[in-house]
Amino acid sequence: MTSVADFVNGFAFKPEHLGEFGLPVVKIPELRSGITSKTPYNSGTIVPQRNHINTGDVLFSWSATLLVNEWGQGPALLNQHLFKVIPHNELHKRLVRFAVEAAIPELTGHAVGATMQHIRRSALDTHLMLVPDDTTAAAFAAQADPMMDAVLNLTSQNRELAKARDLLLPKLMSGQLDVSGTALPDEVAA
């Protein structure tokens, strides 16, 4: 796989690097669930540019839980134990993403470590991936990219709606928001 994409390991943050301001630091929980109230932050000034990520970047956790996902929450910083997967040909982005995801069961079989399982980079070096010609890759991208972009967009919209719900619901329940007069005519008669 390393012949078709670079696997850039995240930055080794120390506890004193993490705070409440700056860019979110993406670890395995953020890869799985997005930014939460537990997500640490860092200004990013000490972090090399290769460890900065943005919406659409393919991320792969190679330690503990093997997981592939596309980041969908804007600028952030990548923590160690995660790779940013950068295809050598942008046309292959989703092909590489799905190939890494499909390889997880085999890669899991090569995991090492007594307390926390992880895969070695050599497992990625030896894992093979079929690379189609540009015409086939373009046809795949024409089908897959709009769908995956829609997934990212809908996921982002869901997060924004959840934020609005979490902001408004306590105010509604406490009576701080007045919703009288908002009933539909059929609801008034009932």
N, C-alpha and C. Protein backbone atom coordinates (compact mmCIF):
# COMPACT_ATOMS: atom_id res chain seq x y z
N MET A 1 0.81 -1.21 0.00
CA MET A 1 0.00 0.00 0.00
C MET A 1 0.85 1.26 0.00
N THR A 2 2.03 1.16 0.60
CA THR A 2 2.86 2.35 0.67
C THR A 2 3.39 2.77 -0.70
N SER A 3 3.19 1.94 -1.71
CA SER A 3 3.60 2.35 -3.06
C SER A 3 2.55 3.25 -3.71
N VAL A 4 1.33 3.30 -3.15
CA VAL A 4 0.27 4.13 -3.72
C VAL A 4 -0.13 5.29 -2.81
N ALA A 5 0.35 5.28 -1.56
CA ALA A 5 -0.02 6.36 -0.63
C ALA A 5 1.04 6.51 0.44
N ASP A 6 1.16 7.72 0.95
CA ASP A 6 2.01 7.98 2.10
C ASP A 6 1.15 7.86 3.36
N PHE A 7 1.72 7.25 4.38
CA PHE A 7 1.05 7.09 5.67
C PHE A 7 1.84 7.94 6.67
N VAL A 8 1.33 9.14 6.95
CA VAL A 8 2.02 10.11 7.80
C VAL A 8 1.52 9.97 9.22
N ASN A 9 2.42 9.59 10.12
CA ASN A 9 2.05 9.42 11.52
C ASN A 9 1.79 10.77 12.18
N GLY A 10 0.87 10.78 13.13
CA GLY A 10 0.53 12.01 13.84
C GLY A 10 1.63 12.47 14.79
N PHE A 11 1.41 13.63 15.37
CA PHE A 11 2.36 14.29 16.25
C PHE A 11 2.27 13.68 17.66
N ALA A 12 3.42 13.54 18.30
CA ALA A 12 3.48 12.99 19.66
C ALA A 12 3.28 14.12 20.67
N PHE A 13 2.02 14.43 20.94
CA PHE A 13 1.69 15.46 21.92
C PHE A 13 2.05 14.99 23.32
N LYS A 14 2.57 15.90 24.12
CA LYS A 14 2.80 15.64 25.53
C LYS A 14 1.64 16.28 26.30
N PRO A 15 1.38 15.84 27.53
CA PRO A 15 0.26 16.41 28.29
C PRO A 15 0.30 17.94 28.38
N GLU A 16 1.50 18.50 28.50
CA GLU A 16 1.59 19.97 28.61
C GLU A 16 1.26 20.69 27.30
N HIS A 17 1.19 19.95 26.19
CA HIS A 17 0.82 20.53 24.90
C HIS A 17 -0.69 20.68 24.74
N LEU A 18 -1.45 20.01 25.58
CA LEU A 18 -2.90 19.94 25.40
C LEU A 18 -3.61 20.91 26.31
N GLY A 19 -4.59 21.61 25.75
CA GLY A 19 -5.34 22.59 26.52
C GLY A 19 -6.76 22.73 26.00
N GLU A 20 -7.32 23.92 26.20
CA GLU A 20 -8.71 24.17 25.85
C GLU A 20 -8.88 25.11 24.66
N PHE A 21 -7.77 25.57 24.07
CA PHE A 21 -7.86 26.54 22.98
C PHE A 21 -7.00 26.12 21.81
N GLY A 22 -7.36 26.62 20.64
CA GLY A 22 -6.61 26.32 19.43
C GLY A 22 -7.38 25.38 18.53
N LEU A 23 -6.65 24.46 17.91
CA LEU A 23 -7.25 23.47 17.02
C LEU A 23 -7.50 22.18 17.78
N PRO A 24 -8.58 21.45 17.43
CA PRO A 24 -8.83 20.18 18.10
C PRO A 24 -7.74 19.17 17.76
N VAL A 25 -7.38 18.34 18.72
CA VAL A 25 -6.41 17.28 18.53
C VAL A 25 -7.19 15.99 18.29
N VAL A 26 -6.99 15.40 17.12
CA VAL A 26 -7.74 14.21 16.73
C VAL A 26 -6.99 12.97 17.19
N LYS A 27 -7.67 12.23 18.08
CA LYS A 27 -7.18 10.94 18.56
C LYS A 27 -8.20 9.90 18.11
N ILE A 28 -8.03 8.67 18.54
CA ILE A 28 -8.95 7.60 18.11
C ILE A 28 -10.41 7.92 18.47
N PRO A 29 -10.71 8.44 19.69
CA PRO A 29 -12.11 8.76 19.98
C PRO A 29 -12.71 9.80 19.02
N GLU A 30 -11.91 10.79 18.62
CA GLU A 30 -12.41 11.81 17.68
C GLU A 30 -12.58 11.21 16.28
N LEU A 31 -11.71 10.28 15.93
CA LEU A 31 -11.83 9.63 14.63
C LEU A 31 -13.15 8.87 14.57
N ARG A 32 -13.53 8.30 15.69
CA ARG A 32 -14.76 7.51 15.77
C ARG A 32 -15.99 8.40 15.91
N SER A 33 -15.94 9.41 16.78
CA SER A 33 -17.15 10.16 17.16
C SER A 33 -17.12 11.64 16.87
N GLY A 34 -16.01 12.16 16.38
CA GLY A 34 -15.91 13.60 16.15
C GLY A 34 -15.49 14.34 17.40
N ILE A 35 -15.50 15.65 17.31
CA ILE A 35 -15.08 16.51 18.41
C ILE A 35 -16.15 16.46 19.51
N THR A 36 -15.69 16.25 20.76
CA THR A 36 -16.60 16.21 21.90
C THR A 36 -16.09 17.17 22.97
N SER A 37 -16.77 17.21 24.09
CA SER A 37 -16.34 18.07 25.20
C SER A 37 -15.02 17.59 25.80
N LYS A 38 -14.62 16.35 25.53
CA LYS A 38 -13.37 15.80 26.05
C LYS A 38 -12.19 16.02 25.10
N THR A 39 -12.43 16.54 23.93
CA THR A 39 -11.38 16.73 22.94
C THR A 39 -10.40 17.81 23.40
N PRO A 40 -9.10 17.48 23.44
CA PRO A 40 -8.11 18.52 23.80
C PRO A 40 -7.79 19.40 22.58
N TYR A 41 -7.17 20.54 22.86
CA TYR A 41 -6.82 21.50 21.82
C TYR A 41 -5.35 21.90 21.94
N ASN A 42 -4.83 22.42 20.84
CA ASN A 42 -3.46 22.93 20.79
C ASN A 42 -3.41 24.02 19.73
N SER A 43 -2.55 25.01 19.94
CA SER A 43 -2.46 26.12 18.99
C SER A 43 -1.95 25.69 17.63
N GLY A 44 -1.20 24.60 17.58
CA GLY A 44 -0.67 24.10 16.32
C GLY A 44 0.67 24.68 15.92
N THR A 45 1.17 25.65 16.69
CA THR A 45 2.43 26.30 16.31
C THR A 45 3.62 25.36 16.38
N ILE A 46 3.58 24.37 17.28
CA ILE A 46 4.71 23.44 17.41
C ILE A 46 4.54 22.20 16.53
N VAL A 47 3.39 22.11 15.87
CA VAL A 47 3.06 20.90 15.11
C VAL A 47 3.44 21.09 13.64
N PRO A 48 4.24 20.18 13.08
CA PRO A 48 4.59 20.28 11.67
C PRO A 48 3.35 20.29 10.77
N GLN A 49 3.44 20.97 9.66
CA GLN A 49 2.30 21.09 8.74
C GLN A 49 1.78 19.72 8.29
N ARG A 50 2.65 18.74 8.20
CA ARG A 50 2.20 17.41 7.75
C ARG A 50 1.22 16.77 8.74
N ASN A 51 1.19 17.27 9.98
CA ASN A 51 0.29 16.74 11.00
C ASN A 51 -0.98 17.58 11.16
N HIS A 52 -1.15 18.58 10.30
CA HIS A 52 -2.39 19.34 10.26
C HIS A 52 -3.33 18.61 9.31
N ILE A 53 -4.60 18.53 9.68
CA ILE A 53 -5.57 17.86 8.82
C ILE A 53 -6.74 18.79 8.55
N ASN A 54 -7.55 18.40 7.56
CA ASN A 54 -8.72 19.19 7.21
C ASN A 54 -9.82 18.26 6.72
N THR A 55 -10.99 18.81 6.52
CA THR A 55 -12.13 18.04 6.04
C THR A 55 -11.75 17.26 4.78
N GLY A 56 -12.10 16.00 4.78
CA GLY A 56 -11.85 15.14 3.62
C GLY A 56 -10.58 14.32 3.72
N ASP A 57 -9.70 14.63 4.67
CA ASP A 57 -8.48 13.83 4.82
C ASP A 57 -8.85 12.43 5.31
N VAL A 58 -8.19 11.43 4.72
CA VAL A 58 -8.40 10.05 5.12
C VAL A 58 -7.47 9.76 6.30
N LEU A 59 -8.04 9.24 7.39
CA LEU A 59 -7.28 8.94 8.60
C LEU A 59 -7.41 7.46 8.93
N PHE A 60 -6.33 6.91 9.47
CA PHE A 60 -6.27 5.48 9.78
C PHE A 60 -5.61 5.29 11.12
N SER A 61 -6.34 4.73 12.08
CA SER A 61 -5.74 4.44 13.39
C SER A 61 -5.05 3.09 13.30
N TRP A 62 -3.79 3.08 13.62
CA TRP A 62 -2.97 1.86 13.49
C TRP A 62 -2.66 1.23 14.84
N SER A 63 -3.21 1.76 15.89
CA SER A 63 -2.93 1.28 17.24
C SER A 63 -4.24 1.08 17.98
N ALA A 64 -4.30 0.04 18.80
CA ALA A 64 -5.49 -0.30 19.59
C ALA A 64 -6.62 -0.69 18.63
N THR A 65 -7.52 0.23 18.30
CA THR A 65 -8.61 -0.04 17.38
C THR A 65 -8.20 0.36 15.98
N LEU A 66 -8.16 -0.59 15.06
CA LEU A 66 -7.86 -0.26 13.67
C LEU A 66 -9.14 0.27 13.04
N LEU A 67 -9.06 1.48 12.51
CA LEU A 67 -10.24 2.16 12.01
C LEU A 67 -9.83 3.12 10.91
N VAL A 68 -10.64 3.20 9.86
CA VAL A 68 -10.42 4.16 8.78
C VAL A 68 -11.65 5.05 8.71
N ASN A 69 -11.41 6.35 8.54
CA ASN A 69 -12.50 7.29 8.42
C ASN A 69 -12.00 8.52 7.67
N GLU A 70 -12.92 9.31 7.19
CA GLU A 70 -12.56 10.60 6.59
C GLU A 70 -12.94 11.68 7.58
N TRP A 71 -12.00 12.58 7.82
CA TRP A 71 -12.24 13.66 8.77
C TRP A 71 -13.24 14.63 8.16
N GLY A 72 -14.20 15.07 8.95
CA GLY A 72 -15.24 15.95 8.42
C GLY A 72 -15.51 17.18 9.25
N GLN A 73 -14.56 17.58 10.12
CA GLN A 73 -14.84 18.70 11.02
C GLN A 73 -13.84 19.84 10.90
N GLY A 74 -13.33 20.07 9.72
CA GLY A 74 -12.49 21.23 9.49
C GLY A 74 -11.07 21.08 10.02
N PRO A 75 -10.36 22.20 10.10
CA PRO A 75 -8.95 22.16 10.51
C PRO A 75 -8.78 21.54 11.89
N ALA A 76 -7.76 20.67 12.00
CA ALA A 76 -7.47 19.98 13.25
C ALA A 76 -6.01 19.52 13.22
N LEU A 77 -5.59 18.89 14.30
CA LEU A 77 -4.23 18.37 14.43
C LEU A 77 -4.30 16.87 14.66
N LEU A 78 -3.40 16.13 14.04
CA LEU A 78 -3.41 14.68 14.13
C LEU A 78 -2.47 14.19 15.21
N ASN A 79 -3.00 13.38 16.12
CA ASN A 79 -2.24 12.80 17.21
C ASN A 79 -1.53 11.53 16.74
N GLN A 80 -0.48 11.16 17.49
CA GLN A 80 0.21 9.91 17.19
C GLN A 80 -0.77 8.74 17.27
N HIS A 81 -0.39 7.62 16.72
CA HIS A 81 -1.21 6.41 16.62
C HIS A 81 -2.25 6.52 15.52
N LEU A 82 -2.22 7.62 14.77
CA LEU A 82 -3.08 7.79 13.62
C LEU A 82 -2.22 8.18 12.42
N PHE A 83 -2.57 7.64 11.27
CA PHE A 83 -1.93 8.04 10.03
C PHE A 83 -2.86 8.96 9.25
N LYS A 84 -2.29 9.96 8.61
CA LYS A 84 -2.99 10.67 7.55
C LYS A 84 -2.58 9.95 6.27
N VAL A 85 -3.55 9.45 5.53
CA VAL A 85 -3.28 8.67 4.33
C VAL A 85 -3.38 9.60 3.12
N ILE A 86 -2.23 9.80 2.47
CA ILE A 86 -2.16 10.74 1.34
C ILE A 86 -1.86 9.94 0.07
N PRO A 87 -2.86 9.77 -0.81
CA PRO A 87 -2.61 9.01 -2.03
C PRO A 87 -1.63 9.76 -2.94
N HIS A 88 -0.80 9.01 -3.61
CA HIS A 88 0.15 9.63 -4.55
C HIS A 88 -0.59 10.25 -5.74
N ASN A 89 -1.74 9.69 -6.07
CA ASN A 89 -2.58 10.23 -7.14
C ASN A 89 -3.93 10.56 -6.51
N GLU A 90 -4.32 11.82 -6.52
CA GLU A 90 -5.57 12.26 -5.87
C GLU A 90 -6.78 11.51 -6.42
N LEU A 91 -6.69 11.04 -7.65
CA LEU A 91 -7.76 10.26 -8.26
C LEU A 91 -8.01 8.96 -7.48
N HIS A 92 -7.00 8.49 -6.76
CA HIS A 92 -7.09 7.22 -6.03
C HIS A 92 -7.50 7.39 -4.57
N LYS A 93 -7.87 8.60 -4.16
CA LYS A 93 -8.14 8.85 -2.74
C LYS A 93 -9.13 7.85 -2.14
N ARG A 94 -10.30 7.72 -2.72
CA ARG A 94 -11.32 6.83 -2.16
C ARG A 94 -10.96 5.36 -2.41
N LEU A 95 -10.27 5.06 -3.51
CA LEU A 95 -9.80 3.70 -3.74
C LEU A 95 -8.86 3.27 -2.60
N VAL A 96 -7.93 4.15 -2.26
CA VAL A 96 -6.99 3.85 -1.18
C VAL A 96 -7.73 3.74 0.14
N ARG A 97 -8.66 4.64 0.38
CA ARG A 97 -9.43 4.61 1.63
C ARG A 97 -10.12 3.27 1.80
N PHE A 98 -10.82 2.81 0.75
CA PHE A 98 -11.54 1.55 0.83
C PHE A 98 -10.59 0.36 0.86
N ALA A 99 -9.44 0.46 0.21
CA ALA A 99 -8.46 -0.63 0.25
C ALA A 99 -7.89 -0.79 1.65
N VAL A 100 -7.60 0.32 2.32
CA VAL A 100 -7.09 0.24 3.70
C VAL A 100 -8.18 -0.35 4.60
N GLU A 101 -9.40 0.10 4.42
CA GLU A 101 -10.50 -0.42 5.23
C GLU A 101 -10.68 -1.93 5.00
N ALA A 102 -10.60 -2.35 3.75
CA ALA A 102 -10.76 -3.78 3.44
C ALA A 102 -9.60 -4.61 3.98
N ALA A 103 -8.43 -3.98 4.15
CA ALA A 103 -7.25 -4.70 4.64
C ALA A 103 -7.23 -4.87 6.15
N ILE A 104 -8.11 -4.20 6.87
CA ILE A 104 -8.07 -4.23 8.34
C ILE A 104 -8.09 -5.65 8.92
N PRO A 105 -8.96 -6.55 8.45
CA PRO A 105 -8.92 -7.90 9.03
C PRO A 105 -7.55 -8.58 8.86
N GLU A 106 -6.95 -8.43 7.71
CA GLU A 106 -5.63 -9.03 7.51
C GLU A 106 -4.58 -8.32 8.35
N LEU A 107 -4.63 -6.99 8.39
CA LEU A 107 -3.66 -6.24 9.19
C LEU A 107 -3.81 -6.56 10.67
N THR A 108 -5.03 -6.78 11.13
CA THR A 108 -5.26 -7.15 12.52
C THR A 108 -4.53 -8.44 12.86
N GLY A 109 -4.48 -9.36 11.89
CA GLY A 109 -3.77 -10.61 12.09
C GLY A 109 -2.27 -10.44 12.25
N HIS A 110 -1.74 -9.29 11.82
CA HIS A 110 -0.31 -9.00 11.94
C HIS A 110 -0.01 -8.04 13.09
N ALA A 111 -1.03 -7.72 13.88
CA ALA A 111 -0.82 -6.77 14.98
C ALA A 111 0.11 -7.37 16.03
N VAL A 112 0.91 -6.50 16.63
CA VAL A 112 1.86 -6.91 17.66
C VAL A 112 1.65 -6.03 18.89
N GLY A 113 2.19 -6.47 20.02
CA GLY A 113 2.12 -5.69 21.25
C GLY A 113 1.36 -6.43 22.32
N ALA A 114 1.89 -6.40 23.52
CA ALA A 114 1.27 -7.12 24.64
C ALA A 114 0.12 -6.32 25.26
N THR A 115 0.34 -5.03 25.54
CA THR A 115 -0.68 -4.24 26.22
C THR A 115 -1.58 -3.51 25.24
N MET A 116 -1.03 -3.01 24.13
CA MET A 116 -1.83 -2.32 23.13
C MET A 116 -1.40 -2.81 21.75
N GLN A 117 -2.30 -3.49 21.09
CA GLN A 117 -2.01 -4.02 19.76
C GLN A 117 -1.83 -2.87 18.76
N HIS A 118 -0.88 -3.03 17.87
CA HIS A 118 -0.67 -2.06 16.80
C HIS A 118 -0.07 -2.78 15.61
N ILE A 119 -0.19 -2.13 14.47
CA ILE A 119 0.43 -2.73 13.28
C ILE A 119 1.73 -2.01 12.99
N ARG A 120 2.63 -2.73 12.41
CA ARG A 120 3.90 -2.13 12.01
C ARG A 120 3.77 -1.59 10.60
N ARG A 121 4.55 -0.57 10.32
CA ARG A 121 4.55 0.00 8.98
C ARG A 121 4.91 -1.06 7.94
N SER A 122 5.75 -2.03 8.32
CA SER A 122 6.14 -3.08 7.38
C SER A 122 4.93 -3.87 6.90
N ALA A 123 3.87 -3.98 7.73
CA ALA A 123 2.65 -4.66 7.29
C ALA A 123 2.00 -3.88 6.15
N LEU A 124 2.10 -2.56 6.19
CA LEU A 124 1.57 -1.75 5.10
C LEU A 124 2.46 -1.85 3.87
N ASP A 125 3.77 -1.96 4.10
CA ASP A 125 4.70 -2.07 2.98
C ASP A 125 4.46 -3.34 2.18
N THR A 126 4.08 -4.41 2.85
CA THR A 126 3.94 -5.69 2.17
C THR A 126 2.51 -5.98 1.71
N HIS A 127 1.53 -5.19 2.19
CA HIS A 127 0.15 -5.41 1.76
C HIS A 127 -0.02 -4.84 0.34
N LEU A 128 -0.53 -5.67 -0.55
CA LEU A 128 -0.67 -5.26 -1.95
C LEU A 128 -2.06 -4.70 -2.21
N MET A 129 -2.10 -3.76 -3.16
CA MET A 129 -3.36 -3.16 -3.58
C MET A 129 -3.35 -3.08 -5.10
N LEU A 130 -4.42 -3.54 -5.72
CA LEU A 130 -4.53 -3.40 -7.16
C LEU A 130 -4.82 -1.94 -7.49
N VAL A 131 -4.09 -1.43 -8.46
CA VAL A 131 -4.27 -0.03 -8.87
C VAL A 131 -4.81 -0.02 -10.30
N PRO A 132 -6.02 0.49 -10.48
CA PRO A 132 -6.59 0.50 -11.83
C PRO A 132 -5.95 1.56 -12.71
N ASP A 133 -6.19 1.45 -14.00
CA ASP A 133 -5.74 2.49 -14.93
C ASP A 133 -6.55 3.76 -14.64
N ASP A 134 -6.07 4.89 -15.15
CA ASP A 134 -6.71 6.17 -14.85
C ASP A 134 -8.16 6.25 -15.32
N THR A 135 -8.50 5.60 -16.42
CA THR A 135 -9.88 5.63 -16.91
C THR A 135 -10.81 4.94 -15.92
N THR A 136 -10.40 3.77 -15.44
CA THR A 136 -11.21 3.04 -14.46
C THR A 136 -11.25 3.78 -13.14
N ALA A 137 -10.12 4.33 -12.72
CA ALA A 137 -10.08 5.09 -11.46
C ALA A 137 -10.98 6.31 -11.55
N ALA A 138 -10.98 6.99 -12.70
CA ALA A 138 -11.84 8.17 -12.87
C ALA A 138 -13.31 7.78 -12.85
N ALA A 139 -13.65 6.64 -13.45
CA ALA A 139 -15.05 6.18 -13.44
C ALA A 139 -15.48 5.84 -12.01
N PHE A 140 -14.60 5.20 -11.25
CA PHE A 140 -14.91 4.90 -9.85
C PHE A 140 -15.08 6.20 -9.06
N ALA A 141 -14.16 7.14 -9.24
CA ALA A 141 -14.24 8.41 -8.51
C ALA A 141 -15.52 9.16 -8.86
N ALA A 142 -15.93 9.10 -10.13
CA ALA A 142 -17.15 9.80 -10.54
C ALA A 142 -18.38 9.24 -9.83
N GLN A 143 -18.35 7.96 -9.47
CA GLN A 143 -19.46 7.34 -8.74
C GLN A 143 -19.30 7.50 -7.22
N ALA A 144 -18.11 7.21 -6.71
CA ALA A 144 -17.90 7.17 -5.26
C ALA A 144 -17.76 8.54 -4.62
N ASP A 145 -17.07 9.45 -5.27
CA ASP A 145 -16.79 10.75 -4.64
C ASP A 145 -18.05 11.53 -4.27
N PRO A 146 -19.05 11.66 -5.17
CA PRO A 146 -20.26 12.39 -4.75
C PRO A 146 -20.96 11.76 -3.55
N MET A 147 -20.97 10.43 -3.51
CA MET A 147 -21.62 9.76 -2.37
C MET A 147 -20.85 9.99 -1.08
N MET A 148 -19.53 9.86 -1.12
CA MET A 148 -18.72 10.05 0.08
C MET A 148 -18.71 11.52 0.51
N ASP A 149 -18.72 12.43 -0.46
CA ASP A 149 -18.83 13.85 -0.13
C ASP A 149 -20.17 14.15 0.54
N ALA A 150 -21.23 13.49 0.07
CA ALA A 150 -22.55 13.66 0.69
C ALA A 150 -22.55 13.12 2.12
N VAL A 151 -21.87 12.01 2.36
CA VAL A 151 -21.77 11.46 3.71
C VAL A 151 -21.08 12.48 4.62
N LEU A 152 -19.97 13.06 4.16
CA LEU A 152 -19.27 14.07 4.96
C LEU A 152 -20.18 15.26 5.24
N ASN A 153 -20.89 15.73 4.22
CA ASN A 153 -21.78 16.89 4.35
C ASN A 153 -22.92 16.58 5.32
N LEU A 154 -23.55 15.43 5.18
CA LEU A 154 -24.66 15.07 6.07
C LEU A 154 -24.18 14.86 7.50
N THR A 155 -23.01 14.28 7.67
CA THR A 155 -22.45 14.12 9.01
C THR A 155 -22.22 15.47 9.65
N SER A 156 -21.70 16.41 8.88
CA SER A 156 -21.47 17.76 9.38
C SER A 156 -22.80 18.43 9.76
N GLN A 157 -23.80 18.28 8.92
CA GLN A 157 -25.12 18.85 9.22
C GLN A 157 -25.71 18.23 10.48
N ASN A 158 -25.56 16.92 10.65
CA ASN A 158 -26.06 16.26 11.85
C ASN A 158 -25.39 16.80 13.11
N ARG A 159 -24.08 17.04 13.02
CA ARG A 159 -23.37 17.59 14.18
C ARG A 159 -23.88 18.99 14.52
N GLU A 160 -24.12 19.81 13.50
CA GLU A 160 -24.63 21.17 13.73
C GLU A 160 -26.04 21.12 14.33
N LEU A 161 -26.86 20.22 13.82
CA LEU A 161 -28.22 20.08 14.38
C LEU A 161 -28.17 19.59 15.83
N ALA A 162 -27.25 18.68 16.13
CA ALA A 162 -27.11 18.20 17.51
C ALA A 162 -26.66 19.33 18.43
N LYS A 163 -25.76 20.20 17.94
CA LYS A 163 -25.34 21.35 18.75
C LYS A 163 -26.54 22.26 19.03
N ALA A 164 -27.34 22.53 17.99
CA ALA A 164 -28.51 23.39 18.17
C ALA A 164 -29.49 22.76 19.16
N ARG A 165 -29.71 21.45 19.02
CA ARG A 165 -30.59 20.75 19.96
C ARG A 165 -30.08 20.88 21.39
N ASP A 166 -28.77 20.62 21.56
CA ASP A 166 -28.19 20.66 22.91
C ASP A 166 -28.22 22.06 23.51
N LEU A 167 -28.22 23.08 22.66
CA LEU A 167 -28.31 24.46 23.13
C LEU A 167 -29.75 24.84 23.46
N LEU A 168 -30.67 24.44 22.59
CA LEU A 168 -32.06 24.87 22.75
C LEU A 168 -32.87 24.02 23.71
N LEU A 169 -32.65 22.73 23.77
CA LEU A 169 -33.48 21.86 24.60
C LEU A 169 -33.48 22.25 26.08
N PRO A 170 -32.32 22.51 26.70
CA PRO A 170 -32.37 22.93 28.11
C PRO A 170 -33.16 24.23 28.31
N LYS A 171 -33.05 25.16 27.35
CA LYS A 171 -33.80 26.41 27.47
C LYS A 171 -35.29 26.16 27.31
N LEU A 172 -35.66 25.25 26.44
CA LEU A 172 -37.06 24.90 26.26
C LEU A 172 -37.61 24.23 27.51
N MET A 173 -36.86 23.29 28.07
CA MET A 173 -37.30 22.56 29.25
C MET A 173 -37.39 23.46 30.49
N SER A 174 -36.53 24.45 30.58
CA SER A 174 -36.54 25.33 31.75
C SER A 174 -37.55 26.48 31.60
N GLY A 175 -38.15 26.60 30.43
CA GLY A 175 -39.11 27.68 30.21
C GLY A 175 -38.47 28.96 29.72
N GLN A 176 -37.16 28.96 29.48
CA GLN A 176 -36.50 30.16 28.97
C GLN A 176 -36.93 30.48 27.54
N LEU A 177 -37.35 29.47 26.80
CA LEU A 177 -37.85 29.67 25.44
C LEU A 177 -39.36 29.55 25.46
N ASP A 178 -40.03 30.55 24.90
CA ASP A 178 -41.48 30.53 24.83
C ASP A 178 -41.86 29.99 23.46
N VAL A 179 -42.58 28.89 23.46
CA VAL A 179 -43.00 28.30 22.20
C VAL A 179 -44.52 28.39 22.02
N SER A 180 -45.18 29.18 22.85
CA SER A 180 -46.63 29.32 22.72
C SER A 180 -46.92 30.01 21.39
N GLY A 181 -48.00 29.61 20.79
CA GLY A 181 -48.40 30.22 19.51
C GLY A 181 -47.73 29.56 18.32
N THR A 182 -46.97 28.50 18.55
CA THR A 182 -46.29 27.86 17.41
C THR A 182 -47.01 26.61 16.95
N ALA A 183 -48.14 26.26 17.58
CA ALA A 183 -48.86 25.04 17.20
C ALA A 183 -49.51 25.23 15.84
N LEU A 184 -49.58 24.17 15.10
CA LEU A 184 -50.26 24.17 13.81
C LEU A 184 -51.77 24.14 14.05
N PRO A 185 -52.57 24.63 13.12
CA PRO A 185 -54.03 24.67 13.33
C PRO A 185 -54.62 23.32 13.70
N ASP A 186 -54.21 22.22 13.09
CA ASP A 186 -54.75 20.91 13.42
C ASP A 186 -54.41 20.50 14.84
N GLU A 187 -53.24 20.93 15.32
CA GLU A 187 -52.83 20.58 16.68
C GLU A 187 -53.63 21.35 17.72
N VAL A 188 -54.07 22.54 17.38
CA VAL A 188 -54.84 23.35 18.32
C VAL A 188 -56.20 22.71 18.58
N ALA A 189 -56.82 22.17 17.55
CA ALA A 189 -58.14 21.56 17.67
C ALA A 189 -58.08 20.25 18.46
N ALA A 190 -56.95 19.59 18.47
CA ALA A 190 -56.84 18.28 19.13
C ALA A 190 -56.81 18.35 20.60
